[in-house]
Protein backbone atom coordinates (compact mmCIF):
# COMPACT_ATOMS: atom_id res chain seq x y z
CA MET A 1 -18.77 23.08 -13.02
CA ASN A 2 -20.78 23.66 -10.43
CA ASN A 3 -19.62 23.97 -6.72
CA ASP A 4 -21.54 21.04 -5.47
CA ARG A 5 -20.32 19.07 -8.55
CA GLN A 6 -16.86 20.02 -7.72
CA LEU A 7 -17.67 18.36 -4.30
CA ILE A 8 -18.61 14.53 -5.39
CA GLU A 9 -16.52 13.95 -8.91
CA TYR A 10 -12.85 13.43 -9.13
CA THR A 11 -11.67 16.79 -10.17
CA SER A 12 -7.83 15.81 -9.01
CA GLY A 13 -5.72 14.15 -11.59
CA ARG A 14 -6.77 12.47 -15.48
CA TRP A 15 -5.70 8.92 -16.30
CA ILE A 16 -4.57 8.36 -20.32
CA TYR A 17 -5.33 5.20 -20.30
CA ASN A 18 -9.12 3.10 -18.91
CA GLU A 19 -9.54 6.59 -17.35
CA ASN A 20 -13.58 5.98 -17.43
CA VAL A 21 -12.90 2.77 -15.51
CA ARG A 22 -10.55 5.01 -12.40
CA LEU A 23 -13.77 7.66 -12.51
CA ALA A 24 -16.21 4.96 -11.95
CA GLU A 25 -14.28 3.62 -9.13
CA ARG A 26 -14.46 7.07 -6.95
CA ARG A 27 -17.88 8.61 -8.88
CA GLY A 28 -20.73 8.63 -6.38
CA LYS A 29 -23.64 10.94 -4.96
CA PHE A 30 -23.56 11.94 -1.42
CA ASN A 31 -25.50 14.30 0.41
CA ILE A 32 -23.57 17.25 0.56
CA ASP A 33 -26.11 19.60 2.71
CA ALA A 34 -26.27 16.62 4.54
CA LEU A 35 -22.62 15.92 5.36
CA LYS A 36 -22.78 19.81 6.57
CA SER A 37 -25.03 19.15 9.23
CA ALA A 38 -23.21 16.29 10.27
CA ALA A 39 -20.52 18.74 10.31
CA ALA A 40 -21.65 21.38 12.30
CA GLN A 41 -23.33 18.78 14.58
CA SER A 42 -19.94 17.02 15.19
CA LEU A 43 -19.04 20.15 17.03
CA GLN A 44 -22.13 21.25 18.65
CA ARG A 45 -22.78 24.00 15.96
CA CYS A 46 -25.83 25.56 13.69
CA ASP A 47 -25.63 24.81 10.47
CA THR A 48 -25.57 28.57 9.22
CA ASP A 49 -21.85 28.61 11.31
CA ILE A 50 -20.80 26.60 8.61
CA LYS A 51 -18.52 29.32 6.30
CA SER A 52 -17.81 27.00 3.39
CA VAL A 53 -17.27 23.21 2.12
CA THR A 54 -13.59 22.58 -0.27
CA LYS A 55 -12.74 19.77 -1.65
CA LEU A 56 -8.68 19.27 -0.14
CA ALA A 57 -7.51 15.76 -0.79
CA GLU A 58 -8.27 12.60 -3.22
CA GLY A 59 -6.99 9.51 -3.35
CA GLY A 60 -6.85 5.23 -4.28
CA PHE A 61 -9.82 5.59 -1.70
CA ASN A 62 -11.03 8.18 0.07
CA ARG A 63 -12.38 11.40 -0.78
CA VAL A 64 -11.81 13.98 1.78
CA LEU A 65 -13.46 18.13 2.26
CA GLN A 66 -12.30 20.40 4.66
CA VAL A 67 -15.40 22.06 6.55
CA ALA A 68 -14.38 25.65 7.42
CA MET A 69 -16.56 27.29 10.30
CA LEU A 70 -17.39 31.19 10.58
CA ASP A 71 -14.90 31.41 13.13
CA ASP A 72 -12.01 29.51 10.97
CA THR A 73 -12.84 26.15 12.69
CA GLN A 74 -12.03 23.36 10.26
CA VAL A 75 -13.06 19.98 10.14
CA LEU A 76 -12.28 17.27 7.71
CA ALA A 77 -14.63 15.00 6.32
CA ARG A 78 -13.57 11.57 5.07
CA LEU A 79 -16.05 9.70 2.44
CA PRO A 80 -14.83 6.14 1.01
CA TYR A 81 -16.16 6.24 -2.50
CA PRO A 82 -18.09 3.36 -3.35
CA SER A 83 -15.52 1.29 -4.58
CA THR A 84 -13.48 1.03 -1.42
CA GLU A 85 -13.40 -2.31 0.53
CA PRO A 86 -14.24 -3.93 2.85
CA LYS A 87 -18.33 -2.32 3.31
CA GLN A 88 -19.10 -0.50 6.44
CA LEU A 89 -16.12 -1.92 8.29
CA ALA A 90 -13.34 0.83 6.26
CA VAL A 91 -14.63 3.36 8.07
CA ALA A 92 -14.68 1.44 11.65
CA ILE A 93 -11.32 0.53 10.96
CA GLY A 94 -9.88 4.15 10.92
CA VAL A 95 -11.81 5.30 13.57
CA ALA A 96 -10.90 2.80 16.38
CA THR A 97 -7.96 2.88 15.13
CA LEU A 98 -7.18 6.79 15.32
CA ALA A 99 -9.10 6.05 19.18
CA LEU A 100 -6.15 3.75 20.47
CA LEU A 101 -3.24 6.04 18.83
CA ARG A 102 -4.07 8.73 21.12
CA ALA A 103 -5.20 6.49 24.21
CA HIS A 104 -1.44 5.74 23.45
CA GLY A 105 -0.28 9.26 23.10
CA LEU A 106 0.49 9.65 19.44
CA PRO A 107 -0.78 12.93 18.13
CA VAL A 108 -2.77 12.11 15.62
CA PRO A 109 -6.57 13.49 14.57
CA ARG A 110 -9.75 13.46 16.63
CA VAL A 111 -12.30 12.00 15.49
CA TYR A 112 -15.43 14.23 16.50
CA ALA A 113 -18.57 11.48 14.60
CA TYR A 114 -18.37 8.88 11.35
CA SER A 115 -21.23 6.66 10.55
CA THR A 116 -20.40 3.14 9.46
CA ASP A 117 -23.45 2.31 7.32
CA ALA A 118 -24.33 4.39 4.04
CA LYS A 119 -27.74 4.35 4.58
CA ASN A 120 -27.36 7.76 7.06
CA PRO A 121 -29.11 11.05 5.35
CA VAL A 122 -25.42 11.89 3.66
CA GLY A 123 -25.69 8.47 1.61
CA SER A 124 -22.24 7.48 2.58
CA GLU A 125 -19.99 6.38 5.15
CA TYR A 126 -18.29 9.33 6.46
CA MET A 127 -15.80 9.74 8.91
CA ILE A 128 -15.45 13.98 10.27
CA MET A 129 -12.67 14.41 12.19
CA GLU A 130 -9.36 17.20 13.18
CA LYS A 131 -7.69 18.45 10.85
CA LEU A 132 -3.97 19.12 12.51
CA PRO A 133 -2.10 22.49 11.61
CA GLY A 134 0.65 22.45 9.15
CA ARG A 135 1.88 21.14 5.67
CA PRO A 136 1.83 17.01 5.01
CA LEU A 137 5.71 15.51 5.21
CA GLY A 138 5.71 14.06 2.32
CA ASP A 139 4.81 17.68 0.36
CA ARG A 140 8.13 19.14 1.94
CA TRP A 141 10.65 16.40 2.75
CA PHE A 142 13.10 16.67 0.18
CA GLU A 143 12.71 20.85 0.87
CA LEU A 144 14.12 20.43 4.15
CA SER A 145 18.06 20.38 5.55
CA ASP A 146 19.59 17.46 6.51
CA ARG A 147 19.29 18.89 10.00
CA GLU A 148 15.79 19.21 9.69
CA ARG A 149 15.75 15.53 8.66
CA LEU A 150 17.34 14.47 11.39
CA LYS A 151 14.74 16.02 13.32
CA VAL A 152 11.77 14.63 11.70
CA LEU A 153 13.43 11.31 11.51
CA LEU A 154 14.22 11.11 15.43
CA GLN A 155 10.71 12.27 15.95
CA LEU A 156 9.47 9.84 13.53
CA VAL A 157 11.31 6.71 15.33
CA GLN A 158 10.58 7.81 18.79
CA LEU A 159 6.91 7.78 17.78
CA GLU A 160 7.13 4.43 15.85
CA ALA A 161 8.31 3.36 19.54
CA LYS A 162 5.20 3.88 21.26
CA LEU A 163 2.94 2.28 18.32
CA HIS A 164 5.29 -0.78 18.63
CA ALA A 165 4.96 -0.76 22.41
CA ILE A 166 1.76 -0.71 22.28
CA GLU A 167 0.50 -4.30 24.20
CA LEU A 168 -2.04 -5.91 21.43
CA PRO A 169 -4.03 -9.68 21.84
CA ALA A 170 -3.88 -10.96 18.13
CA SER A 171 -3.49 -9.86 15.00
CA GLY A 172 -5.85 -8.35 12.73
CA SER A 173 -7.20 -5.06 12.45
CA ILE A 174 -8.51 -2.46 15.04
CA TYR A 175 -12.27 -1.93 15.88
CA TYR A 176 -14.46 -0.86 18.69
CA ALA A 177 -16.46 -4.30 19.75
CA SER A 178 -19.55 -2.29 19.67
CA ASP A 179 -18.93 -1.48 15.54
CA LEU A 180 -18.30 -4.95 14.39
CA PRO A 181 -21.19 -7.46 13.25
CA SER A 182 -22.52 -9.57 16.45
CA ASP A 183 -21.27 -12.73 14.29
CA SER A 184 -17.86 -11.36 13.61
CA PRO A 185 -15.27 -13.05 15.14
CA ARG A 186 -12.68 -10.61 17.74
CA ILE A 187 -10.53 -11.32 20.73
CA VAL A 188 -11.00 -7.55 22.81
CA ILE A 189 -8.05 -5.62 24.04
CA PRO A 190 -8.23 -6.01 27.62
CA ASN A 191 -9.40 -2.88 29.75
CA SER A 192 -10.59 -0.99 26.61
CA ASN A 193 -13.56 -0.80 24.13
CA PHE A 194 -11.06 -2.16 21.66
CA CYS A 195 -10.73 -5.43 19.79
CA ILE A 196 -9.00 -7.19 16.93
CA GLY A 197 -11.62 -8.02 14.04
CA PRO A 198 -10.86 -9.50 11.20
CA ASN A 199 -7.79 -8.10 8.67
CA ALA A 200 -9.20 -4.92 6.79
CA ALA A 201 -6.42 -5.27 4.47
CA LEU A 202 -7.34 -5.28 0.74
CA GLN A 203 -6.00 -7.97 -0.59
CA TRP A 204 -8.86 -9.83 2.19
CA TRP A 205 -11.57 -8.01 -0.23
CA PHE A 206 -10.08 -7.31 -4.10
CA GLU A 207 -13.35 -7.90 -6.11
CA GLU A 208 -14.81 -11.48 -5.52
CA ARG A 209 -13.28 -12.06 -2.20
CA ALA A 210 -15.16 -10.07 -0.22
CA SER A 211 -17.89 -12.73 -0.50
CA LEU A 212 -15.76 -15.61 -0.04
CA ARG A 213 -16.14 -17.51 3.77
CA VAL A 214 -12.27 -17.68 4.66
CA ASP A 215 -10.59 -16.89 7.51
CA ARG A 216 -9.53 -13.77 7.88
CA GLY A 217 -8.16 -13.49 11.44
CA PRO A 218 -8.46 -12.26 13.75
CA CYS A 219 -4.89 -14.95 14.59
CA MET A 220 -3.66 -15.70 17.71
CA ASP A 221 -0.64 -18.17 16.25
CA PRO A 222 2.01 -16.93 13.81
CA ILE A 223 1.62 -19.64 11.31
CA ASP A 224 -2.53 -18.78 11.14
CA VAL A 225 -1.12 -15.28 10.14
CA LEU A 226 1.45 -16.66 7.94
CA ARG A 227 -1.37 -19.45 5.98
CA ASN A 228 -4.47 -17.50 5.27
CA PRO A 229 -3.66 -15.14 2.96
CA ALA A 230 -2.81 -17.43 0.96
CA LEU A 231 -5.34 -20.29 1.80
CA LYS A 232 -7.67 -17.68 0.63
CA GLU A 233 -6.48 -17.23 -2.67
CA LEU A 234 -6.71 -20.60 -3.45
CA ALA A 235 -10.33 -20.56 -2.19
CA TRP A 236 -10.69 -17.70 -5.05
CA LEU A 237 -8.19 -19.38 -7.62
CA ARG A 238 -10.73 -22.72 -7.20
CA THR A 239 -13.84 -20.74 -7.62
CA TYR A 240 -12.74 -18.27 -10.00
CA GLY A 241 -9.35 -18.69 -11.35
CA ARG A 242 -9.03 -19.44 -14.48
CA PRO A 243 -5.89 -18.75 -17.25
CA ARG A 244 -4.56 -14.64 -18.15
CA PHE A 245 -2.12 -12.79 -19.63
CA PRO A 246 0.09 -11.02 -16.48
CA PHE A 247 -1.89 -7.88 -15.34
CA GLU A 248 1.44 -5.81 -15.85
CA ARG A 249 0.64 -6.20 -20.28
CA ALA A 250 4.91 -4.92 -20.89
CA TYR A 251 5.57 -8.47 -18.52
CA ARG A 252 3.45 -9.82 -21.25
CA GLU A 253 6.46 -10.12 -24.22
CA SER A 254 8.54 -11.88 -21.97
CA MET A 255 6.50 -14.86 -21.49
CA ASP A 256 5.75 -15.39 -25.32
CA TYR A 257 2.16 -14.19 -24.85
CA GLN A 258 0.76 -17.18 -23.15
CA LEU A 259 -1.66 -17.48 -20.79
CA SER A 260 -0.48 -17.87 -17.02
CA ASP A 261 -2.22 -20.40 -15.28
CA PRO A 262 -2.58 -20.78 -11.14
CA SER A 263 -0.06 -23.20 -10.57
CA GLU A 264 1.22 -25.60 -7.72
CA HIS A 265 2.92 -22.44 -7.10
CA MET A 266 0.40 -21.75 -3.60
CA GLU A 267 0.65 -25.46 -2.36
CA SER A 268 4.22 -25.02 -2.52
CA TYR A 269 3.86 -21.82 0.16
CA LEU A 270 2.30 -23.17 2.02
CA LYS A 271 4.54 -26.71 2.55
CA ILE A 272 7.54 -24.12 3.35
CA ALA A 273 5.19 -21.96 5.52
CA PRO A 274 5.68 -23.28 8.68
CA VAL A 275 9.95 -23.07 7.89
CA LEU A 276 9.77 -19.59 8.10
CA LEU A 277 8.72 -18.88 11.89
CA PRO A 278 11.32 -17.14 13.12
CA SER A 279 12.14 -16.95 17.44
CA ASN A 280 9.59 -16.13 20.06
CA GLU A 281 11.37 -12.64 20.01
CA PHE A 282 9.33 -11.43 16.78
CA PHE A 283 6.23 -13.21 17.60
CA SER A 284 4.60 -9.74 19.56
CA PRO A 285 2.21 -8.50 17.54
CA SER A 286 2.38 -5.25 15.81
CA PHE A 287 1.55 -2.36 14.13
CA VAL A 288 2.86 -1.71 11.09
CA THR A 289 5.65 0.66 10.47
CA LEU A 290 3.96 3.93 9.53
CA THR A 291 3.29 3.48 6.09
CA PHE A 292 -1.07 2.65 6.93
CA SER A 293 -3.47 4.25 5.04
CA GLN A 294 -5.94 4.34 8.69
CA GLN A 295 -8.69 2.40 7.04
CA HIS A 296 -5.85 -0.42 6.29
CA LEU A 297 -3.92 -0.49 8.63
CA PRO A 298 -3.35 -4.34 9.67
CA VAL A 299 -2.07 -5.54 13.11
CA LEU A 300 1.12 -8.06 12.44
CA PRO A 301 2.95 -10.16 14.30
CA LEU A 302 7.15 -7.76 14.66
CA PHE A 303 8.66 -10.10 12.27
CA LEU A 304 6.40 -9.60 9.17
CA ALA A 305 5.31 -5.91 10.45
CA ALA A 306 8.85 -4.26 10.76
CA GLY A 307 10.30 -2.50 7.66
CA ILE A 308 11.25 0.74 6.85
CA PRO A 309 9.22 2.78 5.86
CA GLU A 310 8.14 4.09 1.78
CA LEU A 311 9.45 7.58 2.08
CA PHE A 312 13.05 6.82 4.09
CA HIS A 313 13.79 3.64 2.10
CA ASN A 314 16.47 4.20 -0.57
CA TYR A 315 16.03 0.45 -2.65
CA ASP A 316 18.52 -1.82 -4.38
CA ASP A 317 21.62 1.31 -3.24
CA PRO A 318 24.38 -0.89 -1.78
CA GLU A 319 25.26 1.41 0.30
CA SER A 320 21.87 1.69 2.37
CA PHE A 321 21.81 -2.34 1.97
CA ASP A 322 25.35 -2.43 3.70
CA PHE A 323 24.27 0.29 7.01
CA ARG A 324 26.96 2.56 5.80
CA PRO A 325 27.17 5.95 6.73
CA PRO A 326 26.97 7.88 3.37
CA SER A 327 29.77 10.71 2.29
CA SER A 328 28.67 14.39 0.74
CA PRO A 329 28.64 13.81 -2.59
CA GLU A 330 31.79 15.81 -5.02
CA LEU A 331 29.98 18.47 -6.91
CA SER A 332 32.73 20.62 -8.28
CA GLU A 333 33.15 18.38 -11.75
CA LEU A 334 29.37 18.13 -12.08
CA ASP A 335 26.83 19.86 -14.31
CA GLU A 336 23.41 21.17 -12.92
CA GLN A 337 21.70 18.24 -13.35
CA GLY A 338 25.15 15.67 -12.23
CA LYS A 339 24.71 17.99 -9.05
CA ALA A 340 20.99 18.01 -8.65
CA ASP A 341 21.01 13.63 -9.26
CA ALA A 342 23.88 13.25 -7.09
CA LEU A 343 22.00 15.52 -3.80
CA HIS A 344 19.31 13.09 -4.13
CA ASP A 345 20.67 10.34 -4.38
CA PHE A 346 22.78 11.30 -1.10
CA ARG A 347 19.56 12.83 0.66
CA ARG A 348 18.15 9.17 -0.24
CA ARG A 349 20.71 7.53 2.00
CA HIS A 350 21.08 9.98 4.12
CA THR A 351 18.11 9.07 5.34
CA ASP A 352 17.92 5.74 5.02
CA PHE A 353 21.23 5.50 7.27
CA PHE A 354 19.79 7.94 9.61
CA TYR A 355 16.50 6.00 10.14
CA LEU A 356 18.23 3.05 10.88
CA ALA A 357 20.36 4.34 13.24
CA PHE A 358 17.77 6.34 15.11
CA THR A 359 15.65 2.77 15.62
CA GLN A 360 18.99 0.81 16.53
CA ARG A 361 19.37 3.03 19.17
CA PHE A 362 15.35 3.98 20.35
CA ASN A 363 13.32 1.31 18.60
CA LYS A 364 15.62 -2.21 19.58
CA SER A 365 12.65 -4.70 18.80
CA HIS A 366 12.48 -2.93 15.51
CA PHE A 367 15.52 -2.57 14.67
CA ARG A 368 16.29 -6.44 15.43
CA ALA A 369 13.83 -7.64 13.73
CA MET A 370 14.67 -5.60 10.41
CA ASP A 371 18.45 -6.86 11.14
CA GLN A 372 17.40 -10.71 10.69
CA THR A 373 17.67 -11.30 6.75
CA THR A 374 15.75 -13.81 6.84
CA ASN A 375 12.62 -11.61 8.11
CA MET A 376 13.44 -9.59 4.90
CA LEU A 377 12.98 -12.39 2.54
CA THR A 378 9.64 -14.24 4.97
CA ARG A 379 7.95 -10.23 4.54
CA ARG A 380 8.58 -10.43 0.95
CA ILE A 381 6.76 -13.89 0.12
CA PHE A 382 4.57 -13.72 3.00
CA SER A 383 3.47 -10.30 0.31
CA HIS A 384 2.97 -12.03 -2.23
CA ALA A 385 1.10 -15.30 -1.18
CA GLY A 386 -1.70 -12.81 -0.33
CA ASP A 387 -1.66 -10.62 -3.17
CA PRO A 388 -4.45 -10.94 -5.29
CA TRP A 389 -3.18 -13.39 -8.66
CA GLU A 390 -3.56 -11.16 -11.61
CA GLY A 391 -2.07 -13.94 -14.05
CA ASN A 392 1.88 -13.58 -13.00
CA ASN A 393 3.52 -16.38 -10.94
CA ILE A 394 7.11 -15.11 -11.00
CA PRO A 395 7.18 -13.37 -7.79
CA LEU A 396 6.12 -15.79 -5.68
CA GLN A 397 7.89 -18.94 -7.64
CA ALA A 398 11.49 -16.62 -7.58
CA ASP A 399 10.75 -16.15 -3.50
CA LEU A 400 10.25 -20.15 -2.96
CA VAL A 401 13.42 -20.53 -5.31
CA LEU A 402 15.26 -18.19 -2.66
CA ILE A 403 14.42 -19.72 0.08
CA LYS A 404 15.05 -23.32 -0.88
CA LYS A 405 18.70 -21.73 -1.43
CA SER A 406 19.42 -20.47 1.99
CA LEU A 407 16.81 -23.09 3.35
CA HIS A 408 19.93 -23.41 5.95
CA GLU A 409 19.13 -20.38 7.67
CA TYR A 410 15.86 -21.16 8.03
CA SER A 411 15.84 -25.33 9.73
CA THR A 412 18.45 -27.82 10.11
CA GLY A 413 16.00 -30.18 8.86
CA PRO A 414 14.79 -31.09 5.28
CA CYS A 415 13.21 -28.64 2.80
CA PRO A 416 9.59 -29.56 2.15
CA ILE A 417 10.05 -28.24 -1.93
CA SER A 418 11.87 -28.95 -4.66
CA PHE A 419 12.74 -27.31 -8.43
CA SER A 420 14.72 -28.87 -10.73
CA THR A 421 18.36 -26.73 -11.47
CA ALA A 422 16.54 -26.00 -15.30
CA LYS A 423 12.98 -24.80 -13.74
CA SER A 424 15.07 -22.86 -10.73
CA ASP A 425 17.07 -20.91 -13.89
CA SER A 426 14.15 -20.55 -16.02
CA ILE A 427 11.78 -19.22 -12.71
CA MET A 428 14.80 -16.56 -11.52
CA HIS A 429 15.52 -15.23 -15.23
CA LEU A 430 11.91 -14.59 -15.62
CA GLN A 431 12.12 -12.75 -12.84
CA SER A 432 15.27 -11.22 -13.57
CA MET A 433 13.88 -10.02 -16.98
CA GLN A 434 10.87 -8.61 -14.71
CA GLU A 435 12.71 -6.33 -12.67
CA GLU A 436 14.13 -5.07 -16.00
CA ILE A 437 11.03 -4.26 -17.47
CA ASP A 438 10.20 -2.45 -14.01
CA LEU A 439 13.12 -0.39 -14.03
CA GLN A 440 12.56 0.30 -17.76
CA LEU A 441 8.52 1.23 -17.40
CA LYS A 442 9.94 3.73 -14.12
CA HIS A 443 11.94 5.57 -16.92
CA ILE A 444 9.03 5.46 -19.62
CA ARG A 445 6.28 6.92 -17.32
CA ASN A 446 9.11 9.43 -15.55
CA ALA A 447 9.10 10.64 -19.40
CA ILE A 448 5.83 10.35 -20.17
CA GLY A 449 4.95 12.17 -17.10
CA ILE A 450 1.98 9.81 -15.47
CA SER A 451 2.26 7.66 -12.61
CA VAL A 452 1.81 3.74 -12.01
CA ASN A 453 -1.58 3.96 -13.36
CA GLY A 454 -1.54 6.72 -15.99
CA TRP A 455 -2.68 8.96 -13.90
CA THR A 456 -1.62 12.66 -14.76
CA PRO A 457 -2.65 16.41 -13.40
CA PRO A 458 -5.32 17.58 -15.19
CA GLU A 459 -2.91 20.32 -16.29
CA GLU A 460 -0.17 17.68 -18.35
CA TYR A 461 -3.43 15.45 -19.64
CA GLU A 462 -2.68 16.78 -23.02
CA ALA A 463 0.78 16.78 -23.39
CA ALA A 464 1.18 13.07 -21.93
CA CYS A 465 -1.21 11.37 -24.42
CA ALA A 466 0.97 13.30 -26.85
CA ARG A 467 4.12 11.80 -25.73
CA ALA A 468 2.38 8.70 -24.77
CA ARG A 469 1.29 8.70 -28.74
CA GLN A 470 4.87 9.46 -30.30
CA MET A 471 6.28 6.33 -28.15
CA LYS A 472 3.86 4.33 -29.08
CA ILE A 473 4.91 5.23 -32.83
CA ASP A 474 8.22 5.16 -32.14
CA GLY A 475 8.32 1.97 -30.22
CA LEU A 476 5.91 0.15 -33.11
CA ALA A 477 8.36 1.39 -36.03
CA SER A 478 11.62 0.52 -34.22
CA LEU A 479 10.65 -3.14 -34.47
CA ASP A 480 11.69 -5.90 -37.54
CA THR A 481 8.37 -8.07 -37.59
CA ASP A 482 5.01 -8.18 -38.90
CA TYR A 483 4.24 -10.13 -35.46
CA GLU A 484 6.38 -8.12 -33.71
CA ARG A 485 4.29 -5.14 -34.29
CA GLU A 486 1.40 -6.78 -34.03
CA MET A 487 1.59 -7.88 -30.90
CA THR A 488 2.80 -4.82 -29.27
CA ASN A 489 0.29 -2.88 -30.80
CA ARG A 490 -2.44 -5.57 -28.90
CA HIS A 491 -0.89 -5.58 -25.68
CA TRP A 492 0.28 -1.60 -25.30
CA PRO A 493 0.28 -0.94 -21.93
CA PHE A 494 -0.29 2.65 -22.39
CA ASP A 495 -3.85 2.53 -24.38
CA ASP A 496 -7.45 1.91 -22.69
CA HIS A 497 -7.52 -2.22 -22.26
CA ASN A 498 -9.91 -4.91 -20.55
CA GLU A 499 -8.00 -5.20 -17.45
CA ASP A 500 -8.88 -9.11 -16.89
CA GLU A 501 -7.96 -10.29 -19.92
């Protein structure tokens, strides 16, 4: 593959199923010479000052190239894939958000040049930005000693405190006012060139949702923040909704291979939404906590923005859930694998605990928002209500059942929704089954060597495909009836398949 094609094509991995779909999402030509010129001009250099252009990373939304000058100055060029939504707005949000954070003293890259319109000489939207020194934290996290992790956690929590202290007038996404189309709603951030405009989170723009005429914000009233994602999904369901199988093929057996209908549960969420509002203390708009990809960083009320960052959160662990200091593991009687597992569990508990402990001390409002047990369930149902519907009604229904059962923690008034005991039990049983399936899938994917969408490093592709084929052979051989074998073969999760069936 020649160098130009290497830069344009996705080369960071392979997918063991639906690879053509994933590659098509990431394929898009752009003019490399024009990009070099834009990078050079952003530094007030000549094109002849450029020594090299190399690919640095390819993520889910963007391709990142590194441009090196003859004097070893380096900048990064970030280009969204042609499939990345929302068009024009995604780059605009990334640029404005970085600029606003820099203005408040956060150590984020400087943007040297950008274009929000793909109709430019480069042939793509782009952002040219400073390359910060050092390695990404995620690459080193589990190499750090306990003391080093504590030092990093403290610094991150102190940065989060700065992030949460930024006063913002509304919920939505951040833009330079000059980058928003003239007919887009906006609320100006006082004494600045910035404004809050429409929410650019992917759920608002996924597939046909990009063309819907719905209220994406900005929102000043928290009840609108809660309601609008569900109203968006209702608008999509009325126009495009149809019975379908759950997108996660492994769930289908538990649902007797029946198509799911868009149901009344979205209406039930809208009825319960006013009950979910906490005290005014948690209303102030805030950045989502250190989990953002720059083009999809929303501003939400604190009760929805709070949370432990993904990298630090030790999910489903009783000790972490109870905020108990972790004890050092006893390793003397364990084999090497047992020691590795015990140390891994300890590090996760250690990180989770001290992130919360530092937050309790240095970012008290964030800790109080996380400490409200109702806020945790509210954040979950808010997420499920706004997620694009892909044939699975169970997570949102289970949230509704749990809120009904714990309504006394939210309100003293009557409950606006109802479920029969049999219906509640059925929903929670299916939710439990899906959680068990999720755990099984995690183990299976680890055994095959793939991520959630079937991605694997290029050098592991052939071996991963072979393991997946053998797993299917063994799975089919273990079944008792022709019907089970037929349905399992048809809905096998790791084969090429129609993602819209």
